[in-house]
C-alpha atoms as a PDB file:
ATOM      1  CA  MET A   1     242.183  60.440   3.479  1.00  0.00           C
ATOM      2  CA  PRO A   2     240.661  63.843   4.427  1.00  0.00           C
ATOM      3  CA  TYR A   3     242.933  66.766   5.223  1.00  0.00           C
ATOM      4  CA  THR A   4     243.070  67.566   8.939  1.00  0.00           C
ATOM      5  CA  PRO A   5     244.179  71.124   9.782  1.00  0.00           C
ATOM      6  CA  SER A   6     246.454  71.561  12.751  1.00  0.00           C
ATOM      7  CA  GLY A   7     247.143  74.115  15.453  1.00  0.00           C
ATOM      8  CA  PHE A   8     244.870  76.970  16.487  1.00  0.00           C
ATOM      9  CA  PHE A   9     242.615  76.685  13.439  1.00  0.00           C
ATOM     10  CA  CYS A  10     241.985  72.995  14.117  1.00  0.00           C
ATOM     11  CA  ASP A  11     241.290  73.656  17.800  1.00  0.00           C
ATOM     12  CA  ARG A  12     238.794  76.352  16.841  1.00  0.00           C
ATOM     13  CA  LEU A  13     237.036  74.012  14.393  1.00  0.00           C
ATOM     14  CA  ILE A  14     236.784  71.313  17.042  1.00  0.00           C
ATOM     15  CA  ARG A  15     235.359  73.764  19.610  1.00  0.00           C
ATOM     16  CA  GLU A  16     232.803  75.081  17.098  1.00  0.00           C
ATOM     17  CA  ARG A  17     231.754  71.541  16.173  1.00  0.00           C
ATOM     18  CA  GLU A  18     231.397  70.608  19.845  1.00  0.00           C
ATOM     19  CA  ARG A  19     229.249  73.712  20.491  1.00  0.00           C
ATOM     20  CA  ARG A  20     226.958  72.765  17.609  1.00  0.00           C
ATOM     21  CA  ASP A  21     226.561  69.339  19.215  1.00  0.00           C
ATOM     22  CA  GLY A  22     225.655  70.944  22.562  1.00  0.00           C
ATOM     23  CA  GLU A  23     229.090  70.722  24.173  1.00  0.00           C
ATOM     24  CA  GLY A  24     229.508  73.659  26.547  1.00  0.00           C
ATOM     25  CA  SER A  25     225.791  73.980  27.301  1.00  0.00           C
ATOM     26  CA  LEU A  26     224.246  73.649  30.771  1.00  0.00           C
ATOM     27  CA  ASN A  27     223.110  70.125  29.897  1.00  0.00           C
ATOM     28  CA  LYS A  28     226.469  69.082  28.418  1.00  0.00           C
ATOM     29  CA  PRO A  29     229.218  71.159  30.096  1.00  0.00           C
ATOM     30  CA  ILE A  30     232.838  71.033  29.000  1.00  0.00           C
ATOM     31  CA  ARG A  31     234.680  68.884  31.518  1.00  0.00           C
ATOM     32  CA  PHE A  32     237.984  70.096  32.908  1.00  0.00           C
ATOM     33  CA  ASN A  33     240.459  67.191  33.048  1.00  0.00           C
ATOM     34  CA  GLY A  34     237.555  64.849  32.263  1.00  0.00           C
ATOM     35  CA  GLN A  35     235.969  65.556  35.649  1.00  0.00           C
ATOM     36  CA  ASP A  36     232.237  65.014  36.049  1.00  0.00           C
ATOM     37  CA  TYR A  37     230.621  66.937  38.900  1.00  0.00           C
ATOM     38  CA  ASN A  38     227.971  64.325  39.747  1.00  0.00           C
ATOM     39  CA  THR A  39     230.487  61.473  39.722  1.00  0.00           C
ATOM     40  CA  LEU A  40     232.921  63.393  41.916  1.00  0.00           C
ATOM     41  CA  LYS A  41     230.130  64.412  44.291  1.00  0.00           C
ATOM     42  CA  GLN A  42     229.012  60.793  44.743  1.00  0.00           C
ATOM     43  CA  GLU A  43     232.584  59.574  45.285  1.00  0.00           C
ATOM     44  CA  TYR A  44     233.289  62.162  47.979  1.00  0.00           C
ATOM     45  CA  LEU A  45     229.911  61.695  49.687  1.00  0.00           C
ATOM     46  CA  GLN A  46     230.460  57.937  49.835  1.00  0.00           C
ATOM     47  CA  SER A  47     234.001  58.281  51.165  1.00  0.00           C
ATOM     48  CA  LYS A  48     232.903  61.073  53.546  1.00  0.00           C
ATOM     49  CA  THR A  49     235.864  63.219  52.529  1.00  0.00           C
ATOM     50  CA  LEU A  50     236.117  66.757  51.177  1.00  0.00           C
ATOM     51  CA  PHE A  51     237.164  67.445  47.590  1.00  0.00           C
ATOM     52  CA  GLU A  52     240.731  68.620  47.042  1.00  0.00           C
ATOM     53  CA  ASP A  53     241.570  69.788  43.543  1.00  0.00           C
ATOM     54  CA  GLU A  54     244.855  68.289  42.348  1.00  0.00           C
ATOM     55  CA  ALA A  55     245.103  70.938  39.594  1.00  0.00           C
ATOM     56  CA  PHE A  56     244.713  73.804  42.101  1.00  0.00           C
ATOM     57  CA  PRO A  57     245.941  72.632  45.514  1.00  0.00           C
ATOM     58  CA  ALA A  58     245.492  74.823  48.575  1.00  0.00           C
ATOM     59  CA  THR A  59     249.130  75.918  48.584  1.00  0.00           C
ATOM     60  CA  VAL A  60     250.907  79.214  48.019  1.00  0.00           C
ATOM     61  CA  GLU A  61     252.272  77.845  44.723  1.00  0.00           C
ATOM     62  CA  SER A  62     248.725  77.935  43.297  1.00  0.00           C
ATOM     63  CA  LEU A  63     248.558  81.703  43.717  1.00  0.00           C
ATOM     64  CA  GLY A  64     251.250  82.612  41.232  1.00  0.00           C
ATOM     65  CA  PHE A  65     254.880  83.558  40.967  1.00  0.00           C
ATOM     66  CA  LYS A  66     257.089  86.636  41.228  1.00  0.00           C
ATOM     67  CA  GLU A  67     255.110  89.106  43.415  1.00  0.00           C
ATOM     68  CA  LEU A  68     252.809  86.261  44.509  1.00  0.00           C
ATOM     69  CA  GLY A  69     255.525  83.622  44.803  1.00  0.00           C
ATOM     70  CA  HIS A  70     256.148  81.542  47.896  1.00  0.00           C
ATOM     71  CA  LYS A  71     258.761  84.012  49.192  1.00  0.00           C
ATOM     72  CA  SER A  72     256.531  87.072  48.775  1.00  0.00           C
ATOM     73  CA  ASN A  73     255.325  89.061  51.788  1.00  0.00           C
ATOM     74  CA  LYS A  74     251.925  89.311  50.077  1.00  0.00           C
ATOM     75  CA  VAL A  75     251.265  85.584  50.565  1.00  0.00           C
ATOM     76  CA  LYS A  76     252.945  84.864  53.900  1.00  0.00           C
ATOM     77  CA  ASN A  77     249.719  85.143  55.935  1.00  0.00           C
ATOM     78  CA  ILE A  78     247.400  83.357  53.497  1.00  0.00           C
ATOM     79  CA  VAL A  79     244.987  80.990  55.224  1.00  0.00           C
ATOM     80  CA  TRP A  80     243.059  78.620  52.965  1.00  0.00           C
ATOM     81  CA  LYS A  81     239.439  78.169  54.056  1.00  0.00           C
ATOM     82  CA  ARG A  82     236.404  76.343  52.836  1.00  0.00           C
ATOM     83  CA  PRO A  83     233.199  78.370  52.341  1.00  0.00           C
ATOM     84  CA  LYS A  84     231.573  77.081  55.566  1.00  0.00           C
ATOM     85  CA  GLU A  85     234.597  78.340  57.501  1.00  0.00           C
ATOM     86  CA  ILE A  86     233.846  81.857  56.232  1.00  0.00           C
ATOM     87  CA  CYS A  87     230.076  82.047  56.706  1.00  0.00           C
ATOM     88  CA  GLU A  88     227.236  79.862  57.962  1.00  0.00           C
ATOM     89  CA  ASN A  89     225.264  79.575  54.707  1.00  0.00           C
ATOM     90  CA  PRO A  90     227.643  80.036  51.761  1.00  0.00           C
ATOM     91  CA  GLN A  91     226.096  80.580  48.330  1.00  0.00           C
ATOM     92  CA  PHE A  92     228.056  80.758  45.104  1.00  0.00           C
ATOM     93  CA  ILE A  93     225.726  82.838  42.923  1.00  0.00           C
ATOM     94  CA  VAL A  94     222.578  84.559  44.190  1.00  0.00           C
ATOM     95  CA  GLY A  95     220.202  86.306  41.800  1.00  0.00           C
ATOM     96  CA  GLY A  96     222.199  85.635  38.643  1.00  0.00           C
ATOM     97  CA  ALA A  97     225.594  86.791  37.482  1.00  0.00           C
ATOM     98  CA  SER A  98     227.150  88.758  34.671  1.00  0.00           C
ATOM     99  CA  ARG A  99     230.676  89.040  33.315  1.00  0.00           C
ATOM    100  CA  THR A 100     231.211  92.336  35.156  1.00  0.00           C
ATOM    101  CA  ASP A 101     230.203  91.162  38.646  1.00  0.00           C
ATOM    102  CA  ILE A 102     233.712  90.224  39.756  1.00  0.00           C
ATOM    103  CA  CYS A 103     236.844  92.038  38.619  1.00  0.00           C
ATOM    104  CA  GLN A 104     240.385  90.844  39.143  1.00  0.00           C
ATOM    105  CA  GLY A 105     242.126  92.731  41.913  1.00  0.00           C
ATOM    106  CA  ASP A 106     245.174  92.560  44.139  1.00  0.00           C
ATOM    107  CA  LEU A 107     245.717  89.692  46.517  1.00  0.00           C
ATOM    108  CA  GLY A 108     243.845  90.411  49.714  1.00  0.00           C
ATOM    109  CA  LYS A 109     241.319  92.675  47.999  1.00  0.00           C
ATOM    110  CA  LEU A 110     238.015  91.596  46.516  1.00  0.00           C
ATOM    111  CA  SER A 111     236.676  93.792  43.752  1.00  0.00           C
ATOM    112  CA  LEU A 112     232.921  93.597  43.329  1.00  0.00           C
END
């Protein structure tokens, strides 16, 4: 029986092997929680409902803890909106993107 390494090293080997096989490419993206975009899109279009992410629900608890916890003044006026509630023609990425386009900032501030 072949030796199977465990822990971080094993995880890294698996990720490298998957990348060699195309996993993580545009044609074969890595699926979070086994979700497939096209399958989800068809399901929600057929049911005529909007997607709600169970892993990141639109609740204050999704924002964090301590200074962003549910009792924090920083989150008391948070209003969750869908893109079409913010502007008429929302677009996720226009003209390409780089790793420095968006920087993490404080809640309520968008750093571009």
